[in-house]
Amino acid sequence: MLADKIADMKKYLLDVEKLTHYLWVIIQIILIYAASRIVIKIADKMIQHIMTARDRSPLKFDARRTKTLDKLIHNLVTYTVNFITILLILDQFGVKTGPLLAGAGVLGLAIGFGAQSLVKDVITGFFIIFEDQFAVGDVVQIDQYKGTVEEIGIRITRIKSWTGEVYIIPNGNIKQVTNFSIHNSLAVIDVSIAYEADIDRATQILNETLQRYYEKSVKLTKKPELLGVQSLGASEVKLRITAECRPTLQGDVARELQADIKKALDANEIEIPYPKTGDVLENAKGGLPSMERKQYQLGDIVQMKKPHPCGTNEMEIIRMGMDIRIKCVGCKHSVLVPRPKFESKLKKVLRSAPQTEGSEDKKESDG
């Protein structure tokens, strides 16, 4: 009985056709495995070539991101090739892979329907990293959220605003991104000067100030430019300055330049227009302020230091208070002027208005 079993086993093992079949199966398995390793090696070389080309481009990858992306693609290719290799090897052993693939397909479909947002986040995160849309440390605006990127993950992106809030945004919700850190920024400063100021002198002082700031600042990429008169306002002339600086530093540059410009204009007595207010003290009868007795009163004809556009510099005082309304004797055009500005432009009183019985001056003279 035992001898018969041994004889059958010898006959089975020494069957040339079966030995040839098993040998061919082993060779195929070896070839499949070797081919999978070769495919992975070729894929790694291609990935390294792509990364090298990207590093040489003007828009460079962050070193840590390059390493992460390289590893991510390598793992993706490795898992895919190994899965196909296992299926091919099982097929060589006579295992039917059709039902396995069908089951995997159904499982993947179920997972896809159950986690659509997760799949969307992962795919979007992969392309954000692959396309290098923004990097850790960049200042970006994603929809209404603006801040510095702290983390870029496969599923979420984390940004921190300048006031300290941290926003965690799912990658699938990222529709539009504005990156402020790729190119140089531009600081725009408007400087207002009074109409009475010498614009040529003001321009010279501003250019000298810009040159000094350029020589001491490391934030600028080139010398700031004074473009010229930007607009003519109701009470001021606006001069525009632009300064190209390193990314995201336009706020710092604008603040520093404005401080330097203010000091330079003050040192050279060039007025920056601003609203002026003052206290008005009325007399006991509710009449005109007592300070009006100094030089002028209502109805006086006065001479101004600079002539009106019509050619005359004679004006009539037609209203008094915190502001003085004067009317041109020539063209009858009237204008409201702040009291300090009026007094600074007043040259002399030509003709005084007649005094009335109830005026304060008359009362004082009677006293």
Protein backbone atom coordinates (compact mmCIF):
# COMPACT_ATOMS: atom_id res chain seq x y z
CA MET A 1 0.00 0.00 0.00
CA LEU A 2 2.73 2.43 0.99
CA ALA A 3 4.87 1.24 -1.87
CA ASP A 4 2.09 2.04 -4.33
CA LYS A 5 1.75 5.60 -2.98
CA ILE A 6 5.51 6.13 -3.24
CA ALA A 7 5.46 4.86 -6.79
CA ASP A 8 2.61 7.19 -7.76
CA MET A 9 4.43 10.13 -6.18
CA LYS A 10 7.65 9.34 -8.09
CA LYS A 11 5.65 9.06 -11.31
CA TYR A 12 3.96 12.43 -10.60
CA LEU A 13 7.19 14.21 -9.71
CA LEU A 14 9.14 12.77 -12.59
CA ASP A 15 6.46 13.66 -15.13
CA VAL A 16 8.38 15.76 -17.65
CA GLU A 17 5.33 17.67 -18.84
CA LYS A 18 4.40 18.76 -15.33
CA LEU A 19 7.98 19.64 -14.46
CA THR A 20 8.17 21.77 -17.56
CA HIS A 21 4.92 23.53 -16.63
CA TYR A 22 6.08 24.29 -13.08
CA LEU A 23 9.43 25.52 -14.32
CA TRP A 24 7.73 27.84 -16.77
CA VAL A 25 5.45 29.18 -14.03
CA ILE A 26 8.48 29.92 -11.82
CA ILE A 27 10.24 31.65 -14.72
CA GLN A 28 7.14 33.76 -15.42
CA ILE A 29 6.88 34.76 -11.76
CA ILE A 30 10.54 35.77 -11.75
CA LEU A 31 10.07 37.74 -14.98
CA ILE A 32 6.94 39.46 -13.62
CA TYR A 33 8.74 40.45 -10.42
CA ALA A 34 11.82 41.66 -12.31
CA ALA A 35 9.66 43.65 -14.71
CA SER A 36 7.85 45.33 -11.80
CA ARG A 37 11.17 46.37 -10.24
CA ILE A 38 12.35 47.75 -13.57
CA VAL A 39 9.12 49.74 -13.99
CA ILE A 40 9.52 51.23 -10.51
CA LYS A 41 13.15 52.17 -11.21
CA ILE A 42 12.21 53.83 -14.52
CA ALA A 43 9.37 55.72 -12.81
CA ASP A 44 11.77 56.96 -10.09
CA LYS A 45 14.20 58.22 -12.73
CA MET A 46 11.40 60.06 -14.52
CA ILE A 47 10.22 61.63 -11.26
CA GLN A 48 13.75 62.80 -10.43
CA HIS A 49 14.12 64.25 -13.93
CA ILE A 50 10.84 66.17 -13.59
CA MET A 51 11.83 67.50 -10.16
CA THR A 52 15.22 68.61 -11.45
CA ALA A 53 13.58 70.46 -14.33
CA ARG A 54 11.19 72.16 -11.91
CA ASP A 55 14.07 73.22 -9.63
CA ARG A 56 15.74 74.96 -12.58
CA SER A 57 12.60 76.92 -13.48
CA PRO A 58 12.09 80.53 -12.22
CA LEU A 59 9.28 79.35 -9.92
CA LYS A 60 11.19 77.03 -7.56
CA PHE A 61 9.94 74.33 -5.22
CA ASP A 62 10.58 74.51 -1.54
CA ALA A 63 13.20 71.84 -0.70
CA ARG A 64 10.95 70.13 1.83
CA ARG A 65 8.03 70.15 -0.58
CA THR A 66 10.15 68.66 -3.36
CA LYS A 67 11.15 65.80 -1.08
CA THR A 68 7.55 65.25 0.04
CA LEU A 69 6.21 65.26 -3.51
CA ASP A 70 8.96 62.93 -4.70
CA LYS A 71 8.14 60.45 -1.96
CA LEU A 72 4.39 60.77 -2.55
CA ILE A 73 4.63 59.96 -6.27
CA HIS A 74 7.13 57.17 -5.59
CA ASN A 75 4.74 55.52 -3.12
CA LEU A 76 1.81 55.91 -5.50
CA VAL A 77 3.69 54.26 -8.36
CA THR A 78 5.08 51.53 -6.08
CA TYR A 79 1.67 50.59 -4.65
CA THR A 80 0.09 50.48 -8.10
CA VAL A 81 2.85 48.34 -9.64
CA ASN A 82 2.94 45.97 -6.66
CA PHE A 83 -0.85 45.49 -6.80
CA ILE A 84 -0.68 44.59 -10.50
CA THR A 85 2.30 42.29 -9.83
CA ILE A 86 0.41 40.37 -7.13
CA LEU A 87 -2.57 39.88 -9.46
CA LEU A 88 -0.34 38.54 -12.24
CA ILE A 89 1.45 36.15 -9.87
CA LEU A 90 -1.86 34.82 -8.51
CA ASP A 91 -3.00 34.27 -12.06
CA GLN A 92 0.06 32.08 -12.66
CA PHE A 93 -1.00 29.87 -9.74
CA GLY A 94 -4.42 29.40 -11.28
CA VAL A 95 -6.26 31.84 -8.99
CA LYS A 96 -9.05 33.61 -10.86
CA THR A 97 -8.40 37.35 -10.49
CA GLY A 98 -11.60 38.46 -12.20
CA PRO A 99 -13.76 38.18 -9.07
CA LEU A 100 -11.01 39.91 -7.04
CA LEU A 101 -10.96 42.86 -9.44
CA ALA A 102 -14.75 43.04 -9.46
CA GLY A 103 -14.84 43.01 -5.66
CA ALA A 104 -12.15 45.70 -5.48
CA GLY A 105 -14.12 47.78 -7.98
CA VAL A 106 -17.33 47.51 -5.96
CA LEU A 107 -15.43 48.34 -2.76
CA GLY A 108 -13.80 51.37 -4.38
CA LEU A 109 -17.15 52.54 -5.73
CA ALA A 110 -18.72 52.28 -2.28
CA ILE A 111 -15.86 54.19 -0.71
CA GLY A 112 -16.06 56.81 -3.46
CA PHE A 113 -19.76 57.44 -2.88
CA GLY A 114 -19.35 57.46 0.89
CA ALA A 115 -16.36 59.81 0.98
CA GLN A 116 -16.72 62.09 -2.02
CA SER A 117 -15.55 65.18 -0.15
CA LEU A 118 -12.53 63.32 1.20
CA VAL A 119 -11.55 62.11 -2.26
CA LYS A 120 -12.03 65.65 -3.62
CA ASP A 121 -9.85 67.12 -0.85
CA VAL A 122 -7.08 64.57 -1.47
CA ILE A 123 -7.05 65.05 -5.25
CA THR A 124 -7.09 68.85 -4.94
CA GLY A 125 -4.32 68.73 -2.32
CA PHE A 126 -2.19 66.59 -4.60
CA PHE A 127 -2.48 69.08 -7.47
CA ILE A 128 -1.80 72.05 -5.15
CA ILE A 129 1.47 70.40 -4.15
CA PHE A 130 2.31 69.16 -7.65
CA GLU A 131 1.63 72.49 -9.40
CA ASP A 132 3.33 74.49 -6.61
CA GLN A 133 0.44 76.95 -6.40
CA PHE A 134 1.68 78.23 -3.03
CA ALA A 135 4.21 77.17 -0.41
CA VAL A 136 4.58 77.24 3.35
CA GLY A 137 5.47 80.82 4.33
CA ASP A 138 3.70 82.45 1.37
CA VAL A 139 1.15 85.20 1.97
CA VAL A 140 -2.03 84.19 0.13
CA GLN A 141 -5.70 85.01 -0.05
CA ILE A 142 -8.08 82.05 -0.39
CA ASP A 143 -11.59 83.35 -0.99
CA GLN A 144 -12.10 85.88 1.86
CA TYR A 145 -9.30 84.47 4.03
CA LYS A 146 -5.87 86.16 3.87
CA GLY A 147 -2.76 85.20 5.78
CA THR A 148 0.51 83.28 5.88
CA VAL A 149 0.47 79.60 4.89
CA GLU A 150 1.49 77.47 7.88
CA GLU A 151 0.78 74.00 6.51
CA ILE A 152 -0.18 72.34 3.23
CA GLY A 153 -1.55 68.85 3.68
CA ILE A 154 -3.12 66.32 1.35
CA ARG A 155 -6.55 67.07 2.85
CA ILE A 156 -6.38 70.56 4.41
CA THR A 157 -4.50 73.86 4.15
CA ARG A 158 -3.81 75.94 7.26
CA ILE A 159 -3.24 79.72 7.04
CA LYS A 160 -2.69 82.29 9.80
CA SER A 161 -3.90 85.89 9.52
CA TRP A 162 -1.74 88.82 10.62
CA THR A 163 -4.02 89.31 13.65
CA GLY A 164 -3.44 85.72 14.85
CA GLU A 165 -6.50 83.81 13.63
CA VAL A 166 -5.79 80.39 12.11
CA TYR A 167 -8.02 79.24 9.24
CA ILE A 168 -8.26 75.53 8.39
CA ILE A 169 -9.56 75.16 4.85
CA PRO A 170 -10.39 71.79 3.18
CA ASN A 171 -8.50 71.61 -0.09
CA GLY A 172 -11.68 70.72 -1.97
CA ASN A 173 -13.14 74.14 -1.04
CA ILE A 174 -10.23 76.08 -2.55
CA LYS A 175 -11.57 77.69 -5.73
CA GLN A 176 -9.35 80.75 -6.21
CA VAL A 177 -5.97 81.62 -4.73
CA THR A 178 -4.13 84.96 -4.81
CA ASN A 179 -0.42 84.58 -3.99
CA PHE A 180 1.29 87.78 -2.82
CA SER A 181 4.74 86.21 -2.36
CA ILE A 182 5.77 85.25 -5.89
CA HIS A 183 6.66 88.66 -7.34
CA ASN A 184 7.80 91.98 -5.89
CA SER A 185 5.20 94.24 -4.27
CA LEU A 186 4.48 97.89 -5.02
CA ALA A 187 3.91 100.52 -2.33
CA VAL A 188 1.81 103.49 -3.45
CA ILE A 189 1.95 106.72 -1.42
CA ASP A 190 -0.05 109.89 -2.11
CA VAL A 191 1.41 113.08 -0.61
CA SER A 192 -0.83 116.15 -0.25
CA ILE A 193 0.58 119.67 -0.31
CA ALA A 194 -1.20 123.03 -0.10
CA TYR A 195 -1.99 125.03 -3.23
CA GLU A 196 0.13 127.87 -1.85
CA ALA A 197 3.25 125.67 -1.66
CA ASP A 198 5.94 125.78 -4.35
CA ILE A 199 5.39 122.53 -6.22
CA ASP A 200 8.86 122.53 -7.79
CA ARG A 201 10.51 122.89 -4.40
CA ALA A 202 8.26 120.22 -2.93
CA THR A 203 9.18 117.87 -5.79
CA GLN A 204 12.88 118.46 -5.18
CA ILE A 205 12.55 117.76 -1.45
CA LEU A 206 10.56 114.59 -2.08
CA ASN A 207 13.15 113.29 -4.56
CA GLU A 208 15.93 113.93 -2.07
CA THR A 209 13.95 112.13 0.64
CA LEU A 210 13.32 109.14 -1.64
CA GLN A 211 17.03 108.93 -2.50
CA ARG A 212 18.04 108.91 1.19
CA TYR A 213 15.46 106.23 2.01
CA TYR A 214 16.63 104.08 -0.92
CA GLU A 215 20.23 104.27 0.28
CA LYS A 216 19.40 103.11 3.80
CA SER A 217 16.60 100.58 3.16
CA VAL A 218 17.19 96.91 2.34
CA LYS A 219 13.50 96.33 1.58
CA LEU A 220 13.51 98.08 -1.79
CA THR A 221 14.44 96.48 -5.10
CA LYS A 222 14.92 99.79 -6.90
CA LYS A 223 14.74 103.52 -6.22
CA PRO A 224 11.23 104.88 -5.49
CA GLU A 225 9.71 107.06 -8.21
CA LEU A 226 7.86 110.35 -7.87
CA LEU A 227 5.32 110.10 -10.68
CA GLY A 228 4.07 113.68 -10.38
CA VAL A 229 0.71 115.34 -9.74
CA GLN A 230 -1.95 112.67 -9.28
CA SER A 231 -4.97 114.90 -8.67
CA LEU A 232 -6.11 118.41 -7.77
CA GLY A 233 -8.41 118.31 -4.75
CA ALA A 234 -10.57 120.93 -3.07
CA SER A 235 -7.76 122.14 -0.84
CA GLU A 236 -4.66 120.17 -1.80
CA VAL A 237 -2.45 118.95 -4.63
CA LYS A 238 -1.72 115.22 -4.49
CA LEU A 239 1.65 113.88 -5.62
CA ARG A 240 1.97 110.12 -6.17
CA ILE A 241 5.02 108.03 -5.24
CA THR A 242 5.58 104.35 -6.10
CA ALA A 243 8.20 102.11 -4.50
CA GLU A 244 8.94 98.57 -5.68
CA CYS A 245 9.93 96.37 -2.74
CA ARG A 246 10.37 92.74 -1.79
CA PRO A 247 7.20 90.61 -1.61
CA THR A 248 4.64 91.50 1.11
CA LEU A 249 6.71 94.43 2.46
CA GLN A 250 4.71 97.23 0.82
CA GLY A 251 2.98 98.11 4.11
CA ASP A 252 6.27 98.55 5.99
CA VAL A 253 7.79 100.59 3.16
CA ALA A 254 4.74 102.88 2.90
CA ARG A 255 4.75 103.60 6.66
CA GLU A 256 8.48 104.34 6.77
CA LEU A 257 8.36 106.56 3.68
CA GLN A 258 5.39 108.56 4.99
CA ALA A 259 7.23 109.24 8.24
CA ASP A 260 10.36 110.42 6.38
CA ILE A 261 8.31 112.58 4.01
CA LYS A 262 6.45 114.25 6.90
CA LYS A 263 9.73 115.11 8.64
CA ALA A 264 11.24 116.48 5.42
CA LEU A 265 8.21 118.66 4.60
CA ASP A 266 8.07 120.02 8.16
CA ALA A 267 11.78 120.82 8.11
CA ASN A 268 11.34 122.81 4.89
CA GLU A 269 8.12 124.53 6.03
CA ILE A 270 5.95 123.02 3.30
CA GLU A 271 2.37 122.78 4.56
CA ILE A 272 0.40 119.54 4.45
CA PRO A 273 -3.30 120.55 4.28
CA TYR A 274 -5.56 119.42 7.11
CA PRO A 275 -8.92 120.52 8.52
CA LYS A 276 -8.47 123.39 10.99
CA THR A 277 -10.79 124.22 13.91
CA GLY A 278 -10.71 126.82 16.66
CA ASP A 279 -12.66 128.28 19.56
CA VAL A 280 -14.74 131.41 19.01
CA LEU A 281 -15.43 133.65 22.06
CA GLU A 282 -18.55 135.82 21.70
CA ASN A 283 -19.11 139.09 23.48
CA ALA A 284 -21.77 139.68 26.04
CA LYS A 285 -24.37 140.67 23.43
CA GLY A 286 -23.73 137.59 21.30
CA GLY A 287 -21.97 139.66 18.69
CA LEU A 288 -18.79 139.01 16.78
CA PRO A 289 -15.78 137.40 18.49
CA SER A 290 -13.58 139.80 20.40
CA MET A 291 -10.50 138.64 18.47
CA GLU A 292 -11.88 140.40 15.38
CA ARG A 293 -10.91 143.73 16.91
CA LYS A 294 -7.24 142.93 16.28
CA GLN A 295 -7.14 143.76 12.57
CA TYR A 296 -10.43 143.51 10.76
CA GLN A 297 -14.18 143.38 11.12
CA LEU A 298 -17.27 142.56 9.13
CA GLY A 299 -17.58 144.74 6.02
CA ASP A 300 -13.88 145.68 5.84
CA ILE A 301 -12.13 145.88 2.48
CA VAL A 302 -8.82 144.04 2.84
CA GLN A 303 -5.83 143.42 0.63
CA MET A 304 -4.53 139.84 0.31
CA LYS A 305 -0.92 138.85 -0.31
CA LYS A 306 -1.78 136.99 -3.51
CA PRO A 307 -4.23 138.27 -6.15
CA HIS A 308 -7.47 136.50 -7.07
CA PRO A 309 -7.51 134.76 -10.50
CA CYS A 310 -9.47 137.76 -11.83
CA GLY A 311 -6.44 139.97 -11.16
CA THR A 312 -7.40 141.96 -8.06
CA ASN A 313 -6.29 141.23 -4.50
CA GLU A 314 -8.96 143.35 -2.79
CA MET A 315 -11.61 141.42 -0.84
CA GLU A 316 -14.64 142.35 1.25
CA ILE A 317 -15.34 140.48 4.49
CA ILE A 318 -18.99 139.41 4.29
CA ARG A 319 -19.19 136.82 7.08
CA MET A 320 -17.18 136.04 10.17
CA GLY A 321 -16.90 133.17 12.60
CA MET A 322 -14.49 130.25 12.87
CA ASP A 323 -14.28 130.61 9.08
CA ILE A 324 -14.14 133.89 7.15
CA ARG A 325 -16.17 134.39 3.97
CA ILE A 326 -14.64 136.97 1.66
CA LYS A 327 -15.93 138.37 -1.65
CA CYS A 328 -13.73 139.56 -4.48
CA VAL A 329 -14.26 143.27 -5.18
CA GLY A 330 -13.61 142.69 -8.87
CA CYS A 331 -15.50 139.56 -9.95
CA LYS A 332 -17.78 139.30 -6.88
CA HIS A 333 -16.80 135.65 -6.37
CA SER A 334 -16.93 134.59 -2.70
CA VAL A 335 -14.99 131.90 -0.88
CA LEU A 336 -15.00 130.48 2.67
CA VAL A 337 -11.53 130.43 4.26
CA PRO A 338 -10.44 129.05 7.68
CA ARG A 339 -9.57 131.94 10.02
CA PRO A 340 -5.86 130.96 10.55
CA LYS A 341 -5.34 130.67 6.81
CA PHE A 342 -7.11 134.00 6.19
CA GLU A 343 -4.93 135.78 8.73
CA SER A 344 -1.76 134.26 7.27
CA LYS A 345 -2.70 135.52 3.79
CA LEU A 346 -3.96 138.96 4.90
CA LYS A 347 -1.68 141.82 3.89
CA LYS A 348 -3.51 144.86 5.28
CA VAL A 349 -6.91 146.45 5.85
CA LEU A 350 -7.63 149.03 3.14
CA ARG A 351 -10.96 150.47 4.30
CA SER A 352 -12.78 149.78 7.54
CA ALA A 353 -16.53 149.39 7.66
CA PRO A 354 -18.53 152.12 9.47
CA GLN A 355 -19.00 151.40 13.18
CA THR A 356 -22.56 150.92 14.41
CA GLU A 357 -24.06 152.09 17.69
CA GLY A 358 -24.30 148.55 19.06
CA SER A 359 -20.90 147.31 18.08
CA GLU A 360 -18.45 146.15 20.68
CA ASP A 361 -15.82 148.66 19.64
CA LYS A 362 -18.27 151.53 20.02
CA LYS A 363 -19.19 150.28 23.44
CA GLU A 364 -15.58 150.17 24.51
CA SER A 365 -14.88 153.67 23.16
CA ASP A 366 -17.90 155.00 25.08
CA GLY A 367 -16.54 153.30 28.19
